[in-house]
Amino acid sequence: MKLSALTPSERRAVVIIGDLLLLTMALLLAYGLWTYRGGHPFSIAFLKKKAIWFVLPPIWFFLAAVGGLYEYRNLVSLQRTLRGFATCGAIILISYTVLYFFAPKESLPRGVVLYHAFFSLGLVGGWRYLLLVLHGNPLFRRRCVVVAKGEEREGVISFLGQYPFYEVVGVSAEAPEMIMPLQGGDPVDLPSFVRTFGVDEILVTAPVYSDRKVSRAIVSCGEKGITITPFPLLYEELTGRVPIDHVREGWWYLLPFRAAETGMLYPMLKRTADVIGAILGLSFLGLILPWVALAIKLDSKGPVFYRQVRVGRGGRTFTVWKLRTMRTDAERGKAVWAKEKDPRVTRVGRWLRKARFDEFPQCWNILKGEMSIIGPRPERPEFVKELRDLIPFFELRHSVKPGMAG
């Protein structure tokens, strides 16, 4: 199997597996250093007695996932990855520090969590840097051809330029069944081009489907084992969003629609994960709330919590809970869109938003079944009325529960 043949989903799976293995390795190293410094025996029997500490890697992974560190825009940025994992480490260290002061004397060792945070940042940071280097290596880049017309062709090429593991080697010429090498040369028919340039994937946009010559050429390549992908599907996989400009009346053909929460097994597993995640989130909120509440009160007048009506699954409204991050007079009777560097955000609120601590009260909404951990962010009814007229198919987001992490 060619390394370049790894699909985006397979690449993300490799990242997740690598992270979990290295987080576990970091825990073993932390144990080893702690036992060495404390003069304790490092053995299987010792590890069994301290097995509770093996919850640390899953907690790190959960916080990383909620923080969006497995979204592709973050997977291709070492800076965002390190900043995100540093935030995860800070959250765990703060939580553990609070527990440490309330726990019986010497019942909780300080060193293990501190060492684990240090080793985790080093190992995961090195692993992610290695992945970025490999993504840029020709052996790992997924070679693709873009079969599209006009502006759509340029848009697809520009979009793929954000992802180092994709390499566009050819684009359709004036006659879309003929492919022009990006490095220069004469147009070649699609099957011949695929053989010559070792293409892994053909990306196709909607307008070329009706061209019979193009369809025949694409089918011929598919018979040879080449992956054929409608561009809207790839865009959705990489960004989690639908490319409205590329989706027309036949959207259900390119993007088959099935409500994610239908069936029986998937909803059960998803609900179980939501409940476990919500309980962990509320437990963490309980640990930090006294200090956060004090900071909010000292920074500005008003309540600690903020509630607002949002639109959920099936178009039903519910009340979402957050820690207050804006002044109490932020809207003055009318709904106002939030914006980057919003002046209405308080000093403490800016920090809460950056760490995403303000989102944790939504775990109560998750526990009640109004929200899920992963899903589209819920919007206010006033904004939904506006957005459904601007964005085609916008209301389809209400076919699933809204999420704390969009």
Protein backbone atom coordinates (compact mmCIF):
# COMPACT_ATOMS: atom_id res chain seq x y z
CA MET A 1 0.00 0.00 0.00
CA LYS A 2 1.30 3.47 -0.94
CA LEU A 3 1.67 5.86 1.98
CA SER A 4 0.15 8.60 -0.19
CA ALA A 5 -3.03 6.52 -0.48
CA LEU A 6 -3.98 7.28 3.15
CA THR A 7 -7.32 9.10 3.16
CA PRO A 8 -7.92 12.15 5.40
CA SER A 9 -9.94 10.01 7.84
CA GLU A 10 -7.13 7.44 8.04
CA ARG A 11 -4.59 10.20 8.64
CA ARG A 12 -6.68 11.60 11.50
CA ALA A 13 -6.97 8.08 12.98
CA VAL A 14 -3.17 7.77 12.88
CA VAL A 15 -2.87 11.09 14.74
CA ILE A 16 -5.37 10.04 17.42
CA ILE A 17 -3.78 6.62 17.97
CA GLY A 18 -0.33 8.21 18.14
CA ASP A 19 -1.51 10.83 20.65
CA LEU A 20 -3.09 8.22 22.94
CA LEU A 21 0.00 5.99 22.84
CA LEU A 22 2.33 8.91 23.58
CA LEU A 23 0.09 10.25 26.36
CA THR A 24 0.22 6.78 27.94
CA MET A 25 4.00 6.65 27.45
CA ALA A 26 4.25 10.08 29.10
CA LEU A 27 2.36 8.68 32.10
CA LEU A 28 4.78 5.75 32.41
CA LEU A 29 7.75 8.14 32.19
CA ALA A 30 6.12 10.35 34.83
CA TYR A 31 5.65 7.31 37.08
CA GLY A 32 9.25 6.28 36.51
CA LEU A 33 10.64 9.71 37.39
CA TRP A 34 8.37 10.06 40.42
CA THR A 35 9.34 6.64 41.82
CA TYR A 36 13.03 7.31 41.14
CA ARG A 37 12.97 10.65 42.96
CA GLY A 38 10.86 9.27 45.82
CA GLY A 39 12.71 5.99 46.23
CA HIS A 40 9.65 3.87 45.43
CA PRO A 41 9.85 0.55 43.53
CA PHE A 42 8.72 0.82 39.91
CA SER A 43 6.99 -2.48 39.16
CA ILE A 44 3.80 -4.00 37.75
CA ALA A 45 2.48 -4.43 41.28
CA PHE A 46 3.14 -0.75 41.97
CA LEU A 47 1.35 0.28 38.75
CA LYS A 48 -1.68 -1.82 39.69
CA LYS A 49 -1.95 0.05 42.99
CA LYS A 50 -1.78 3.37 41.13
CA ALA A 51 -4.01 2.34 38.20
CA ILE A 52 -6.32 5.32 38.79
CA TRP A 53 -3.69 7.55 37.17
CA PHE A 54 -4.33 5.88 33.82
CA VAL A 55 -7.40 8.10 33.49
CA LEU A 56 -5.02 10.96 32.65
CA PRO A 57 -4.47 10.07 28.95
CA PRO A 58 -8.25 9.77 28.24
CA ILE A 59 -8.87 13.08 30.04
CA TRP A 60 -6.18 14.77 27.94
CA PHE A 61 -7.71 13.28 24.79
CA PHE A 62 -11.22 14.39 25.78
CA LEU A 63 -10.08 17.96 26.43
CA ALA A 64 -8.10 17.99 23.17
CA ALA A 65 -11.12 16.77 21.20
CA VAL A 66 -13.44 19.33 22.82
CA GLY A 67 -10.83 22.00 22.08
CA GLY A 68 -10.90 21.12 18.37
CA LEU A 69 -7.34 19.78 18.21
CA TYR A 70 -8.40 16.98 15.85
CA GLU A 71 -9.95 19.33 13.33
CA TYR A 72 -7.85 19.46 10.16
CA ARG A 73 -7.18 23.19 10.40
CA ASN A 74 -5.42 22.47 13.71
CA LEU A 75 -3.78 19.23 12.60
CA VAL A 76 -1.77 21.17 10.03
CA SER A 77 -0.65 23.87 12.51
CA LEU A 78 2.05 23.02 15.06
CA GLN A 79 1.53 26.35 16.84
CA ARG A 80 -2.20 25.75 17.38
CA THR A 81 -1.51 22.17 18.45
CA LEU A 82 1.06 23.14 21.09
CA ARG A 83 -1.10 26.01 22.34
CA GLY A 84 -4.11 23.68 22.59
CA PHE A 85 -2.24 20.93 24.44
CA ALA A 86 -0.70 23.50 26.77
CA THR A 87 -4.25 24.63 27.59
CA CYS A 88 -5.24 21.00 28.29
CA GLY A 89 -2.26 20.64 30.62
CA ALA A 90 -3.12 23.88 32.41
CA ILE A 91 -6.73 22.77 32.93
CA ILE A 92 -5.62 19.44 34.42
CA LEU A 93 -2.95 21.05 36.61
CA ILE A 94 -5.37 23.67 37.95
CA SER A 95 -8.02 21.02 38.67
CA TYR A 96 -5.49 18.77 40.36
CA THR A 97 -4.12 21.63 42.45
CA VAL A 98 -7.61 22.32 43.76
CA LEU A 99 -8.08 18.62 44.58
CA TYR A 100 -4.67 18.48 46.23
CA PHE A 101 -5.47 21.21 48.74
CA PHE A 102 -8.76 19.57 49.75
CA ALA A 103 -7.48 15.98 49.87
CA PRO A 104 -6.01 14.33 52.99
CA LYS A 105 -2.30 15.01 53.51
CA GLU A 106 0.03 12.94 51.29
CA SER A 107 -2.90 11.10 49.67
CA LEU A 108 -2.22 12.73 46.28
CA PRO A 109 1.32 13.03 44.89
CA ARG A 110 2.03 16.30 43.10
CA GLY A 111 4.86 15.07 40.91
CA VAL A 112 3.00 12.58 38.69
CA VAL A 113 0.59 15.10 37.16
CA LEU A 114 3.30 17.74 36.73
CA TYR A 115 5.73 15.29 35.11
CA HIS A 116 2.97 13.92 32.91
CA ALA A 117 2.13 17.40 31.61
CA PHE A 118 5.81 18.05 30.85
CA PHE A 119 6.38 14.73 29.06
CA SER A 120 3.05 14.94 27.21
CA LEU A 121 3.85 18.34 25.70
CA GLY A 122 7.29 17.13 24.64
CA LEU A 123 6.20 13.81 23.15
CA VAL A 124 3.00 15.00 21.47
CA GLY A 125 4.72 18.15 20.21
CA GLY A 126 7.51 16.06 18.69
CA TRP A 127 4.99 13.62 17.19
CA ARG A 128 2.92 16.38 15.61
CA TYR A 129 6.06 18.07 14.24
CA LEU A 130 7.13 14.76 12.68
CA LEU A 131 3.69 14.41 11.08
CA LEU A 132 3.91 17.89 9.56
CA VAL A 133 7.32 17.06 8.10
CA LEU A 134 6.00 13.78 6.70
CA HIS A 135 2.90 15.49 5.27
CA GLY A 136 5.21 17.69 3.22
CA ASN A 137 7.22 14.71 1.96
CA PRO A 138 6.29 13.56 -1.58
CA LEU A 139 5.96 9.97 -0.32
CA PHE A 140 3.07 10.99 1.95
CA ARG A 141 1.33 13.59 -0.19
CA ARG A 142 -1.91 12.48 -1.81
CA ARG A 143 -1.60 13.22 -5.54
CA CYS A 144 -4.87 14.38 -7.06
CA VAL A 145 -6.43 15.72 -10.24
CA VAL A 146 -9.11 18.42 -10.18
CA VAL A 147 -11.83 17.97 -12.79
CA ALA A 148 -13.78 21.23 -12.74
CA LYS A 149 -14.58 24.27 -14.82
CA GLY A 150 -13.66 27.95 -14.58
CA GLU A 151 -13.72 29.62 -11.17
CA GLU A 152 -14.63 26.41 -9.37
CA ARG A 153 -11.36 24.87 -10.57
CA GLU A 154 -9.32 27.74 -9.10
CA GLY A 155 -11.33 27.62 -5.88
CA VAL A 156 -10.64 23.90 -5.38
CA ILE A 157 -6.90 24.36 -6.00
CA SER A 158 -6.77 27.30 -3.56
CA PHE A 159 -8.64 25.31 -0.90
CA LEU A 160 -6.35 22.27 -1.17
CA GLY A 161 -3.32 24.56 -0.80
CA GLN A 162 -4.17 24.81 2.92
CA TYR A 163 -3.51 21.09 3.41
CA PRO A 164 0.10 19.97 2.87
CA PHE A 165 -0.86 16.31 2.46
CA TYR A 166 -2.69 17.11 -0.81
CA GLU A 167 -0.77 17.76 -4.02
CA VAL A 168 -2.66 18.86 -7.13
CA VAL A 169 -0.71 17.52 -10.13
CA GLY A 170 -3.23 18.29 -12.87
CA VAL A 171 -6.41 20.19 -13.70
CA SER A 172 -8.99 19.85 -16.44
CA ALA A 173 -8.31 21.84 -19.61
CA GLU A 174 -10.93 23.62 -21.75
CA ALA A 175 -12.20 20.17 -22.71
CA PRO A 176 -12.72 18.78 -19.17
CA GLU A 177 -11.91 15.17 -20.16
CA MET A 178 -8.37 16.41 -21.00
CA ILE A 179 -5.97 17.11 -18.12
CA MET A 180 -3.30 19.81 -18.04
CA PRO A 181 -0.20 19.10 -15.87
CA LEU A 182 0.34 21.91 -13.36
CA GLN A 183 4.08 21.79 -14.00
CA GLY A 184 3.49 22.54 -17.68
CA GLY A 185 3.03 20.43 -20.78
CA ASP A 186 0.35 19.41 -23.24
CA PRO A 187 -3.10 18.23 -22.16
CA VAL A 188 -3.48 14.46 -21.80
CA ASP A 189 -6.64 12.39 -21.57
CA LEU A 190 -7.64 11.59 -17.98
CA PRO A 191 -6.86 7.81 -17.89
CA SER A 192 -3.41 8.34 -19.45
CA PHE A 193 -2.64 11.21 -17.08
CA VAL A 194 -3.59 9.12 -14.05
CA ARG A 195 -1.24 6.32 -15.11
CA THR A 196 1.66 8.64 -15.97
CA PHE A 197 1.57 10.79 -12.84
CA GLY A 198 0.61 8.16 -10.25
CA VAL A 199 -2.63 9.89 -9.24
CA ASP A 200 -4.33 8.70 -6.02
CA GLU A 201 -7.60 10.62 -6.25
CA ILE A 202 -9.78 12.47 -8.75
CA LEU A 203 -11.79 15.39 -7.35
CA VAL A 204 -14.89 16.28 -9.35
CA THR A 205 -17.27 19.24 -9.10
CA ALA A 206 -20.97 19.17 -9.97
CA PRO A 207 -21.04 20.85 -13.43
CA VAL A 208 -18.90 18.18 -15.11
CA TYR A 209 -21.19 15.27 -14.18
CA SER A 210 -23.45 15.96 -17.15
CA ASP A 211 -20.54 15.70 -19.62
CA ARG A 212 -20.67 12.21 -21.09
CA LYS A 213 -17.00 12.14 -22.13
CA VAL A 214 -15.91 13.15 -18.64
CA SER A 215 -18.14 10.53 -17.03
CA ARG A 216 -16.68 7.77 -19.20
CA ALA A 217 -13.12 8.87 -18.44
CA ILE A 218 -13.84 8.97 -14.70
CA VAL A 219 -15.47 5.53 -14.73
CA SER A 220 -12.45 4.17 -16.60
CA CYS A 221 -10.15 5.46 -13.84
CA GLY A 222 -12.44 4.10 -11.14
CA GLU A 223 -12.15 0.65 -12.68
CA LYS A 224 -8.37 0.89 -12.19
CA GLY A 225 -8.82 1.48 -8.45
CA ILE A 226 -8.46 5.28 -8.42
CA THR A 227 -10.55 7.06 -5.76
CA ILE A 228 -13.26 9.30 -7.26
CA THR A 229 -14.47 11.97 -4.82
CA PRO A 230 -17.08 14.71 -5.34
CA PHE A 231 -15.36 17.84 -4.04
CA PRO A 232 -18.25 18.76 -1.66
CA LEU A 233 -17.69 15.47 0.19
CA LEU A 234 -13.97 16.15 0.65
CA TYR A 235 -14.64 19.73 1.73
CA GLU A 236 -17.11 18.54 4.36
CA GLU A 237 -14.68 15.89 5.62
CA LEU A 238 -11.83 18.40 6.01
CA THR A 239 -13.78 21.35 7.42
CA GLY A 240 -16.99 19.89 8.89
CA ARG A 241 -18.95 22.35 6.74
CA VAL A 242 -20.81 22.13 3.44
CA PRO A 243 -19.43 24.17 0.49
CA ILE A 244 -22.57 26.08 -0.43
CA ASP A 245 -21.05 27.41 -3.68
CA HIS A 246 -20.57 23.85 -4.94
CA VAL A 247 -23.94 22.42 -3.90
CA ARG A 248 -26.89 22.89 -6.21
CA GLU A 249 -30.37 21.42 -6.61
CA GLY A 250 -28.99 17.87 -6.59
CA TRP A 251 -27.30 18.29 -3.23
CA TRP A 252 -28.77 15.05 -1.83
CA TYR A 253 -27.00 13.13 -4.62
CA LEU A 254 -23.57 14.55 -3.73
CA LEU A 255 -24.20 14.75 0.00
CA PRO A 256 -26.63 11.94 0.88
CA PHE A 257 -28.69 13.07 3.85
CA ARG A 258 -29.47 10.85 6.79
CA ALA A 259 -30.10 12.21 10.25
CA ALA A 260 -27.07 11.24 12.34
CA GLU A 261 -29.20 10.26 15.33
CA THR A 262 -31.40 7.73 13.54
CA GLY A 263 -30.97 3.99 14.02
CA MET A 264 -30.51 2.33 17.38
CA LEU A 265 -26.87 1.50 18.21
CA TYR A 266 -25.28 4.84 17.24
CA PRO A 267 -27.67 7.01 19.34
CA MET A 268 -27.11 4.74 22.36
CA LEU A 269 -23.32 4.96 22.09
CA LYS A 270 -23.43 8.69 21.43
CA ARG A 271 -25.72 9.34 24.40
CA THR A 272 -23.48 7.25 26.66
CA ALA A 273 -20.44 9.25 25.58
CA ASP A 274 -22.37 12.50 26.09
CA VAL A 275 -23.43 11.57 29.63
CA ILE A 276 -19.90 10.51 30.64
CA GLY A 277 -18.43 13.66 29.09
CA ALA A 278 -21.04 15.87 30.76
CA ILE A 279 -20.39 14.36 34.19
CA LEU A 280 -16.63 14.90 33.76
CA GLY A 281 -17.24 18.45 32.56
CA LEU A 282 -19.54 19.32 35.47
CA SER A 283 -17.04 17.81 37.92
CA PHE A 284 -14.32 20.02 36.49
CA LEU A 285 -16.64 23.04 36.61
CA GLY A 286 -17.34 22.33 40.27
CA LEU A 287 -13.61 22.41 41.02
CA ILE A 288 -12.87 25.74 39.33
CA LEU A 289 -16.19 27.51 39.94
CA PRO A 290 -15.36 29.19 43.30
CA TRP A 291 -12.26 30.88 41.85
CA VAL A 292 -13.84 31.68 38.48
CA ALA A 293 -16.98 33.09 40.11
CA LEU A 294 -14.86 35.31 42.36
CA ALA A 295 -12.88 36.57 39.36
CA ILE A 296 -16.06 37.35 37.39
CA LYS A 297 -17.59 39.24 40.31
CA LEU A 298 -14.44 41.25 40.98
CA ASP A 299 -14.04 42.12 37.29
CA SER A 300 -17.55 43.40 36.52
CA LYS A 301 -21.02 43.76 37.98
CA GLY A 302 -23.60 41.11 37.21
CA PRO A 303 -24.34 37.40 37.64
CA VAL A 304 -21.77 34.62 37.32
CA PHE A 305 -23.89 32.60 34.89
CA TYR A 306 -25.46 33.77 31.66
CA ARG A 307 -28.45 32.12 30.01
CA GLN A 308 -29.88 32.59 26.55
CA VAL A 309 -32.54 31.01 24.32
CA ARG A 310 -31.13 28.95 21.43
CA VAL A 311 -32.64 26.76 18.70
CA GLY A 312 -32.01 23.03 19.04
CA ARG A 313 -33.00 19.79 17.37
CA GLY A 314 -36.27 19.90 15.46
CA GLY A 315 -36.33 23.70 15.68
CA ARG A 316 -37.30 23.55 19.37
CA THR A 317 -35.91 26.27 21.62
CA PHE A 318 -34.08 25.68 24.89
CA THR A 319 -32.10 27.71 27.42
CA VAL A 320 -28.34 27.40 27.15
CA TRP A 321 -26.08 28.15 30.13
CA LYS A 322 -22.64 29.75 30.10
CA LEU A 323 -20.29 31.61 32.40
CA ARG A 324 -20.78 35.32 31.82
CA THR A 325 -18.00 36.82 29.68
CA MET A 326 -19.62 40.13 28.61
CA ARG A 327 -20.88 43.25 30.33
CA THR A 328 -24.51 43.07 31.49
CA ASP A 329 -25.46 45.88 29.07
CA ALA A 330 -23.88 44.11 26.08
CA GLU A 331 -27.06 44.05 23.96
CA ARG A 332 -29.43 46.62 25.44
CA GLY A 333 -32.63 44.91 24.36
CA LYS A 334 -31.67 43.65 20.90
CA ALA A 335 -29.66 40.72 19.54
CA VAL A 336 -26.16 41.69 18.38
CA TRP A 337 -23.67 39.47 16.54
CA ALA A 338 -20.47 38.73 18.44
CA LYS A 339 -17.27 39.74 16.66
CA GLU A 340 -13.54 39.22 16.95
CA LYS A 341 -11.96 41.37 19.69
CA ASP A 342 -15.46 42.32 20.82
CA PRO A 343 -15.21 45.37 23.15
CA ARG A 344 -18.17 44.07 25.17
CA VAL A 345 -16.08 41.15 26.49
CA THR A 346 -14.68 41.67 29.99
CA ARG A 347 -11.04 41.08 30.95
CA VAL A 348 -11.85 37.85 32.79
CA GLY A 349 -14.29 36.92 30.01
CA ARG A 350 -11.54 37.18 27.42
CA TRP A 351 -9.45 34.67 29.37
CA LEU A 352 -12.44 32.38 29.97
CA ARG A 353 -13.22 32.34 26.25
CA LYS A 354 -9.63 31.63 25.30
CA ALA A 355 -9.51 28.66 27.69
CA ARG A 356 -13.12 27.71 26.75
CA PHE A 357 -14.04 27.56 30.42
CA ASP A 358 -17.18 29.60 29.68
CA GLU A 359 -18.62 26.64 27.75
CA PHE A 360 -18.55 24.12 30.60
CA PRO A 361 -21.99 25.01 32.09
CA GLN A 362 -23.42 23.64 28.83
CA CYS A 363 -22.57 20.20 30.20
CA TRP A 364 -25.84 20.62 32.14
CA ASN A 365 -27.67 21.02 28.81
CA ILE A 366 -25.89 17.88 27.56
CA LEU A 367 -26.91 15.92 30.66
CA LYS A 368 -30.54 17.02 30.13
CA GLY A 369 -30.39 15.76 26.54
CA GLU A 370 -30.80 19.20 24.92
CA MET A 371 -27.26 19.23 23.51
CA SER A 372 -24.44 16.87 22.59
CA ILE A 373 -20.67 17.19 23.01
CA ILE A 374 -20.15 17.30 19.23
CA GLY A 375 -22.62 19.02 16.93
CA PRO A 376 -23.45 22.31 15.18
CA ARG A 377 -23.35 25.32 17.46
CA PRO A 378 -26.88 26.41 18.46
CA GLU A 379 -27.94 29.83 17.20
CA ARG A 380 -30.40 32.34 18.62
CA PRO A 381 -33.93 32.38 17.12
CA GLU A 382 -33.37 35.93 15.83
CA PHE A 383 -30.25 34.86 13.93
CA VAL A 384 -31.83 31.65 12.61
CA LYS A 385 -34.53 33.68 10.85
CA GLU A 386 -31.82 35.75 9.21
CA LEU A 387 -29.44 32.91 8.32
CA ARG A 388 -32.03 30.59 6.76
CA ASP A 389 -32.67 33.26 4.10
CA LEU A 390 -28.96 33.74 3.42
CA ILE A 391 -27.61 30.17 3.56
CA PRO A 392 -29.22 27.34 1.54
CA PHE A 393 -30.19 24.28 3.61
CA PHE A 394 -29.23 26.10 6.85
CA GLU A 395 -32.15 24.57 8.75
CA LEU A 396 -30.83 21.03 8.15
CA ARG A 397 -28.49 21.66 11.09
CA HIS A 398 -31.59 21.28 13.28
CA SER A 399 -31.88 17.60 12.29
CA VAL A 400 -29.35 16.79 15.05
CA LYS A 401 -28.71 18.00 18.58
CA PRO A 402 -26.55 21.13 18.79
CA GLY A 403 -23.08 20.66 20.24
CA MET A 404 -20.80 22.24 22.80
CA ALA A 405 -17.88 21.72 20.40
CA GLY A 406 -19.05 22.65 16.90
